[in-house]
């Protein structure tokens, strides 16, 4: 199975993915961004783009890599990865479905002001790359993304609380496996 954590920069995907992984036995974190980084290292480079997700091989390789890892290890993959283009999500989720891999799709959400503050706090020099995805995220959330996933509003949650909210409905287990302190914030 895959637990996909979607949402834009500053929503808490990376931090929460580690905590979710700790709560689910026999699980691993697979950051699909690493597939994009591998494609960016090809020389000479692939056609110019501002986002590796626009390269069709990225979407196919994410599906194939997840499938192969699950075939090899079993268990659950926790995948923190922003996908804001509906067609790209359909390609990825459809590819996983063709391999009979169940996906629980979550969107970690926060209001725009909170996201901006988190991005600016994380990076002393505001990241234009990260900030430019705030409006596309808001548009995707309004038009398709929130209808396609279970939304977890992280605006007022700690990472540990968000992780428990994601895992507990699936497993019914208690929260004793949380390693991070609950007062830690995004």
Protein backbone atom coordinates (compact mmCIF):
# COMPACT_ATOMS: atom_id res chain seq x y z
CA UNK A 1 0.00 0.00 0.00
CA UNK A 2 1.01 3.62 -0.47
CA UNK A 3 0.22 6.48 1.87
CA UNK A 4 0.65 9.54 -0.37
CA UNK A 5 1.09 12.88 1.40
CA UNK A 6 0.27 15.68 -1.02
CA UNK A 7 0.09 19.43 -0.45
CA UNK A 8 2.29 22.38 -1.22
CA UNK A 9 5.54 23.57 0.33
CA UNK A 10 5.14 24.40 4.01
CA UNK A 11 2.24 22.01 4.62
CA UNK A 12 4.46 19.58 6.56
CA UNK A 13 4.77 16.62 4.17
CA UNK A 14 8.39 15.73 4.88
CA UNK A 15 8.18 16.07 8.65
CA UNK A 16 4.87 14.23 8.84
CA UNK A 17 6.03 11.43 6.52
CA UNK A 18 8.77 10.44 8.96
CA UNK A 19 6.28 10.29 11.83
CA UNK A 20 3.71 8.38 9.77
CA UNK A 21 6.40 5.85 8.85
CA UNK A 22 7.19 5.34 12.54
CA UNK A 23 3.52 4.60 13.25
CA UNK A 24 3.05 2.02 10.48
CA UNK A 25 4.87 -1.29 10.94
CA UNK A 26 6.89 -2.48 7.93
CA UNK A 27 6.81 0.89 6.20
CA UNK A 28 9.36 3.04 4.42
CA UNK A 29 9.49 6.66 3.23
CA UNK A 30 10.00 7.04 -0.52
CA UNK A 31 10.48 10.65 -1.61
CA UNK A 32 9.62 10.74 -5.33
CA UNK A 33 11.55 13.99 -5.61
CA UNK A 34 14.69 11.83 -5.71
CA UNK A 35 13.47 10.39 -9.02
CA UNK A 36 13.24 13.95 -10.36
CA UNK A 37 16.73 14.73 -9.07
CA UNK A 38 18.09 11.71 -10.92
CA UNK A 39 16.46 12.92 -14.15
CA UNK A 40 17.89 16.40 -13.60
CA UNK A 41 21.39 14.86 -13.45
CA UNK A 42 21.17 13.45 -17.00
CA UNK A 43 23.72 15.07 -19.32
CA UNK A 44 23.15 16.58 -21.67
CA UNK A 45 19.98 17.58 -19.91
CA UNK A 46 16.41 16.74 -20.78
CA UNK A 47 14.28 19.47 -22.39
CA UNK A 48 14.24 22.64 -20.27
CA UNK A 49 11.46 22.93 -17.70
CA UNK A 50 10.85 24.69 -14.40
CA UNK A 51 9.56 21.47 -12.80
CA UNK A 52 10.73 17.90 -13.37
CA UNK A 53 7.13 16.68 -13.01
CA UNK A 54 6.54 18.01 -16.54
CA UNK A 55 8.84 15.28 -17.88
CA UNK A 56 6.67 12.21 -18.65
CA UNK A 57 9.47 9.83 -17.57
CA UNK A 58 9.25 11.19 -14.02
CA UNK A 59 5.63 10.10 -13.62
CA UNK A 60 6.26 6.66 -15.11
CA UNK A 61 9.42 6.13 -13.06
CA UNK A 62 7.64 7.08 -9.83
CA UNK A 63 5.06 4.37 -10.48
CA UNK A 64 7.65 1.82 -11.55
CA UNK A 65 9.99 2.57 -8.63
CA UNK A 66 7.18 2.34 -6.07
CA UNK A 67 5.96 -0.92 -7.62
CA UNK A 68 9.43 -2.47 -7.64
CA UNK A 69 10.19 -1.42 -4.06
CA UNK A 70 6.88 -2.82 -2.84
CA UNK A 71 7.43 -6.06 -4.80
CA UNK A 72 10.84 -6.36 -3.14
CA UNK A 73 9.99 -5.33 0.43
CA UNK A 74 6.23 -5.56 0.83
CA UNK A 75 4.73 -3.33 3.47
CA UNK A 76 3.80 0.30 2.99
CA UNK A 77 5.45 3.21 1.23
CA UNK A 78 4.89 6.65 2.69
CA UNK A 79 5.34 9.10 -0.17
CA UNK A 80 5.58 12.84 0.59
CA UNK A 81 5.22 14.51 -2.82
CA UNK A 82 3.38 17.53 -4.13
CA UNK A 83 1.37 16.81 -7.28
CA UNK A 84 -0.80 19.78 -8.28
CA UNK A 85 -1.50 18.94 -11.92
CA UNK A 86 -4.59 16.74 -12.10
CA UNK A 87 -3.43 14.93 -15.25
CA UNK A 88 -0.16 14.00 -13.55
CA UNK A 89 -2.02 12.66 -10.50
CA UNK A 90 -4.27 10.62 -12.79
CA UNK A 91 -1.22 9.13 -14.54
CA UNK A 92 0.46 8.22 -11.26
CA UNK A 93 -2.61 6.94 -9.43
CA UNK A 94 -3.80 5.10 -12.55
CA UNK A 95 -0.40 3.47 -12.98
CA UNK A 96 -0.40 2.32 -9.37
CA UNK A 97 -3.97 1.01 -9.74
CA UNK A 98 -2.95 -1.00 -12.82
CA UNK A 99 -0.44 -2.77 -10.56
CA UNK A 100 -3.14 -3.30 -7.91
CA UNK A 101 -1.34 -1.03 -5.42
CA UNK A 102 -3.86 0.60 -3.08
CA UNK A 103 -3.24 4.29 -2.37
CA UNK A 104 -4.49 6.36 0.54
CA UNK A 105 -4.14 9.90 -0.72
CA UNK A 106 -3.91 12.69 1.86
CA UNK A 107 -3.55 16.41 1.32
CA UNK A 108 -1.83 18.25 4.12
CA UNK A 109 -3.46 21.67 4.03
CA UNK A 110 -2.86 24.99 5.73
CA UNK A 111 -4.12 28.48 4.98
CA UNK A 112 -2.01 30.66 2.69
CA UNK A 113 -0.68 32.91 5.49
CA UNK A 114 0.47 29.90 7.52
CA UNK A 115 2.14 28.34 4.48
CA UNK A 116 3.95 31.58 3.66
CA UNK A 117 5.16 31.95 7.28
CA UNK A 118 6.41 28.35 7.35
CA UNK A 119 8.26 28.73 4.05
CA UNK A 120 9.85 31.99 5.18
CA UNK A 121 10.78 30.53 8.60
CA UNK A 122 12.36 27.45 7.01
CA UNK A 123 14.47 29.50 4.62
CA UNK A 124 16.03 32.75 5.85
CA UNK A 125 15.96 34.06 2.28
CA UNK A 126 12.41 33.48 1.02
CA UNK A 127 12.39 30.77 -1.64
CA UNK A 128 10.78 32.08 -4.84
CA UNK A 129 10.49 28.46 -6.03
CA UNK A 130 8.48 27.40 -2.98
CA UNK A 131 6.41 30.58 -2.81
CA UNK A 132 5.38 30.37 -6.47
CA UNK A 133 3.43 27.15 -5.75
CA UNK A 134 1.08 28.73 -3.21
CA UNK A 135 -1.42 29.98 -5.82
CA UNK A 136 -1.29 26.80 -7.98
CA UNK A 137 -1.93 24.81 -4.80
CA UNK A 138 -4.91 27.01 -3.91
CA UNK A 139 -6.29 26.56 -7.44
CA UNK A 140 -5.79 22.77 -7.38
CA UNK A 141 -7.42 22.60 -3.93
CA UNK A 142 -10.47 24.50 -5.22
CA UNK A 143 -10.85 22.60 -8.47
CA UNK A 144 -9.91 18.94 -7.88
CA UNK A 145 -7.28 18.10 -5.27
CA UNK A 146 -9.39 18.26 -2.09
CA UNK A 147 -12.08 16.14 -3.74
CA UNK A 148 -9.49 13.46 -4.56
CA UNK A 149 -7.97 13.03 -1.12
CA UNK A 150 -8.50 13.02 2.61
CA UNK A 151 -7.68 16.56 3.74
CA UNK A 152 -5.74 17.05 6.96
CA UNK A 153 -5.63 20.70 7.98
CA UNK A 154 -2.22 21.19 9.59
CA UNK A 155 -2.71 24.90 10.34
CA UNK A 156 -3.06 24.25 14.08
CA UNK A 157 -1.64 20.71 14.36
CA UNK A 158 1.79 19.56 15.39
CA UNK A 159 3.45 17.07 13.04
CA UNK A 160 2.77 14.28 15.53
CA UNK A 161 -0.93 15.16 15.67
CA UNK A 162 -1.14 15.20 11.86
CA UNK A 163 0.61 11.82 11.66
CA UNK A 164 -1.79 10.29 14.17
CA UNK A 165 -4.77 11.73 12.29
CA UNK A 166 -3.48 10.04 9.13
CA UNK A 167 -2.62 6.67 10.67
CA UNK A 168 -5.24 6.10 13.34
CA UNK A 169 -8.24 5.87 11.01
CA UNK A 170 -6.34 3.25 9.00
CA UNK A 171 -5.02 1.11 11.85
CA UNK A 172 -7.11 1.87 14.92
CA UNK A 173 -3.90 1.69 16.98
CA UNK A 174 -2.93 4.01 19.77
CA UNK A 175 -0.32 6.73 19.39
CA UNK A 176 2.41 5.19 21.57
CA UNK A 177 4.77 4.76 18.60
CA UNK A 178 5.22 8.50 18.10
CA UNK A 179 8.88 9.30 18.66
CA UNK A 180 8.72 13.09 18.25
CA UNK A 181 7.51 15.22 21.10
CA UNK A 182 3.97 16.45 20.53
CA UNK A 183 4.98 20.04 21.25
CA UNK A 184 7.33 20.05 18.23
CA UNK A 185 5.80 22.26 15.58
CA UNK A 186 6.17 22.43 11.82
